[in-house]
């Protein structure tokens, strides 16, 4: 948790503003990364669908012994591609979940900081009223 230096009326406002800017920037970066990963997942799903369609087309087009060899080779390659795509999709999904968790944590931290600042402002207002 970030520590702020104290001034007469609470935390150093510039440090708090800088920290909030930093959190916002990190959140924007994480959001952009999340969007990119979502796009990557969609691309991998599309690629997977394409290869499955290719496999089906090969089954329909090929004949006899030569076609069986081609189909076997295509199945092996498709299986490797599918496995690779699934592994990539799992990694991307894992990263997406981690980013979502981090986003929740950042939001909670930011809410806490804002609440602390609000409390400080209320105390300052109370002190000003008492004077």
Protein backbone atom coordinates (compact mmCIF):
# COMPACT_ATOMS: atom_id res chain seq x y z
CA UNK A 1 0.00 0.00 0.00
CA UNK A 2 1.32 3.41 -0.95
CA UNK A 3 2.35 5.66 1.92
CA UNK A 4 1.80 9.39 1.60
CA UNK A 5 3.72 12.05 3.43
CA UNK A 6 1.66 14.12 5.82
CA UNK A 7 1.12 17.84 5.74
CA UNK A 8 -0.63 20.16 8.11
CA UNK A 9 -4.08 19.36 6.74
CA UNK A 10 -3.63 15.66 5.95
CA UNK A 11 -1.81 13.81 3.22
CA UNK A 12 0.27 15.55 0.60
CA UNK A 13 -2.32 16.32 -2.07
CA UNK A 14 0.13 16.12 -4.98
CA UNK A 15 1.30 12.68 -3.90
CA UNK A 16 -2.31 11.51 -3.64
CA UNK A 17 -3.19 13.01 -7.04
CA UNK A 18 -0.09 11.41 -8.58
CA UNK A 19 -1.01 8.07 -7.06
CA UNK A 20 -4.59 8.30 -8.34
CA UNK A 21 -3.29 9.20 -11.80
CA UNK A 22 -0.95 6.21 -11.63
CA UNK A 23 -3.80 3.87 -10.61
CA UNK A 24 -5.99 5.22 -13.40
CA UNK A 25 -3.16 4.76 -15.93
CA UNK A 26 -2.50 1.21 -14.74
CA UNK A 27 -6.23 0.47 -14.91
CA UNK A 28 -6.37 1.79 -18.47
CA UNK A 29 -3.37 -0.33 -19.44
CA UNK A 30 -4.94 -3.40 -17.86
CA UNK A 31 -8.24 -2.69 -19.60
CA UNK A 32 -6.50 -2.36 -22.96
CA UNK A 33 -4.57 -5.57 -22.34
CA UNK A 34 -7.83 -7.28 -21.40
CA UNK A 35 -9.43 -6.12 -24.67
CA UNK A 36 -6.42 -7.33 -26.67
CA UNK A 37 -6.60 -10.71 -24.98
CA UNK A 38 -10.32 -10.96 -25.67
CA UNK A 39 -9.59 -10.24 -29.34
CA UNK A 40 -6.86 -12.85 -29.30
CA UNK A 41 -9.28 -15.41 -27.82
CA UNK A 42 -11.80 -14.64 -30.58
CA UNK A 43 -9.10 -14.97 -33.23
CA UNK A 44 -8.01 -18.31 -31.80
CA UNK A 45 -11.61 -19.54 -31.71
CA UNK A 46 -12.08 -18.44 -35.32
CA UNK A 47 -8.86 -20.15 -36.31
CA UNK A 48 -9.97 -23.29 -34.50
CA UNK A 49 -13.31 -23.21 -36.32
CA UNK A 50 -11.51 -22.73 -39.62
CA UNK A 51 -9.31 -25.76 -39.05
CA UNK A 52 -12.28 -27.88 -38.03
CA UNK A 53 -14.03 -26.83 -41.24
CA UNK A 54 -10.92 -27.71 -43.23
CA UNK A 55 -10.83 -31.12 -41.63
CA UNK A 56 -14.49 -31.73 -42.54
CA UNK A 57 -13.94 -30.56 -46.12
CA UNK A 58 -10.97 -32.89 -46.49
CA UNK A 59 -13.12 -35.81 -45.36
CA UNK A 60 -15.68 -35.02 -48.07
CA UNK A 61 -13.18 -34.41 -50.91
CA UNK A 62 -10.58 -37.18 -50.57
CA UNK A 63 -11.01 -40.72 -51.97
CA UNK A 64 -9.59 -44.19 -51.36
CA UNK A 65 -6.09 -44.88 -50.06
CA UNK A 66 -4.49 -41.55 -50.96
CA UNK A 67 -7.35 -39.64 -49.37
CA UNK A 68 -6.99 -41.67 -46.17
CA UNK A 69 -3.31 -40.68 -45.94
CA UNK A 70 -4.15 -37.01 -46.47
CA UNK A 71 -6.97 -37.18 -43.93
CA UNK A 72 -4.70 -38.81 -41.35
CA UNK A 73 -2.05 -36.14 -41.88
CA UNK A 74 -4.66 -33.38 -41.70
CA UNK A 75 -6.12 -34.84 -38.51
CA UNK A 76 -2.69 -34.95 -36.91
CA UNK A 77 -1.90 -31.36 -37.90
CA UNK A 78 -5.37 -30.16 -36.93
CA UNK A 79 -5.03 -31.90 -33.60
CA UNK A 80 -1.69 -30.19 -33.00
CA UNK A 81 -3.11 -26.84 -34.05
CA UNK A 82 -6.20 -27.37 -31.90
CA UNK A 83 -4.09 -28.38 -28.92
CA UNK A 84 -1.84 -25.37 -29.44
CA UNK A 85 -4.84 -23.06 -29.84
CA UNK A 86 -6.49 -24.50 -26.74
CA UNK A 87 -3.31 -24.07 -24.75
CA UNK A 88 -3.03 -20.47 -25.92
CA UNK A 89 -6.70 -19.89 -25.14
CA UNK A 90 -6.21 -21.31 -21.64
CA UNK A 91 -3.23 -19.02 -21.05
CA UNK A 92 -5.15 -16.01 -22.34
CA UNK A 93 -8.19 -16.93 -20.25
CA UNK A 94 -5.99 -17.30 -17.19
CA UNK A 95 -4.44 -13.89 -17.85
CA UNK A 96 -7.90 -12.41 -18.34
CA UNK A 97 -9.08 -13.80 -15.00
CA UNK A 98 -5.93 -12.49 -13.31
CA UNK A 99 -6.53 -9.07 -14.85
CA UNK A 100 -10.12 -9.11 -13.64
CA UNK A 101 -8.94 -9.95 -10.12
CA UNK A 102 -6.33 -7.20 -10.28
CA UNK A 103 -8.97 -4.76 -11.50
CA UNK A 104 -11.16 -5.60 -8.49
CA UNK A 105 -8.19 -5.13 -6.15
CA UNK A 106 -7.28 -1.79 -7.74
CA UNK A 107 -10.87 -0.60 -7.47
CA UNK A 108 -11.02 -1.57 -3.78
CA UNK A 109 -7.72 0.17 -3.07
CA UNK A 110 -8.83 3.28 -4.92
CA UNK A 111 -12.16 3.32 -3.09
CA UNK A 112 -10.30 2.98 0.21
CA UNK A 113 -7.97 5.86 -0.63
CA UNK A 114 -10.88 8.03 -1.71
CA UNK A 115 -12.78 7.17 1.47
CA UNK A 116 -9.73 7.99 3.57
CA UNK A 117 -9.34 11.31 1.80
CA UNK A 118 -13.05 12.03 2.27
CA UNK A 119 -12.71 11.33 5.99
CA UNK A 120 -9.72 13.65 6.20
CA UNK A 121 -11.63 16.39 4.40
CA UNK A 122 -14.58 15.94 6.77
CA UNK A 123 -12.24 16.24 9.75
CA UNK A 124 -10.72 19.37 8.24
CA UNK A 125 -14.22 20.78 7.72
CA UNK A 126 -15.08 19.97 11.34
CA UNK A 127 -11.93 21.73 12.55
CA UNK A 128 -12.76 24.77 10.41
CA UNK A 129 -16.31 24.87 11.83
CA UNK A 130 -15.01 24.68 15.41
CA UNK A 131 -12.68 27.63 14.84
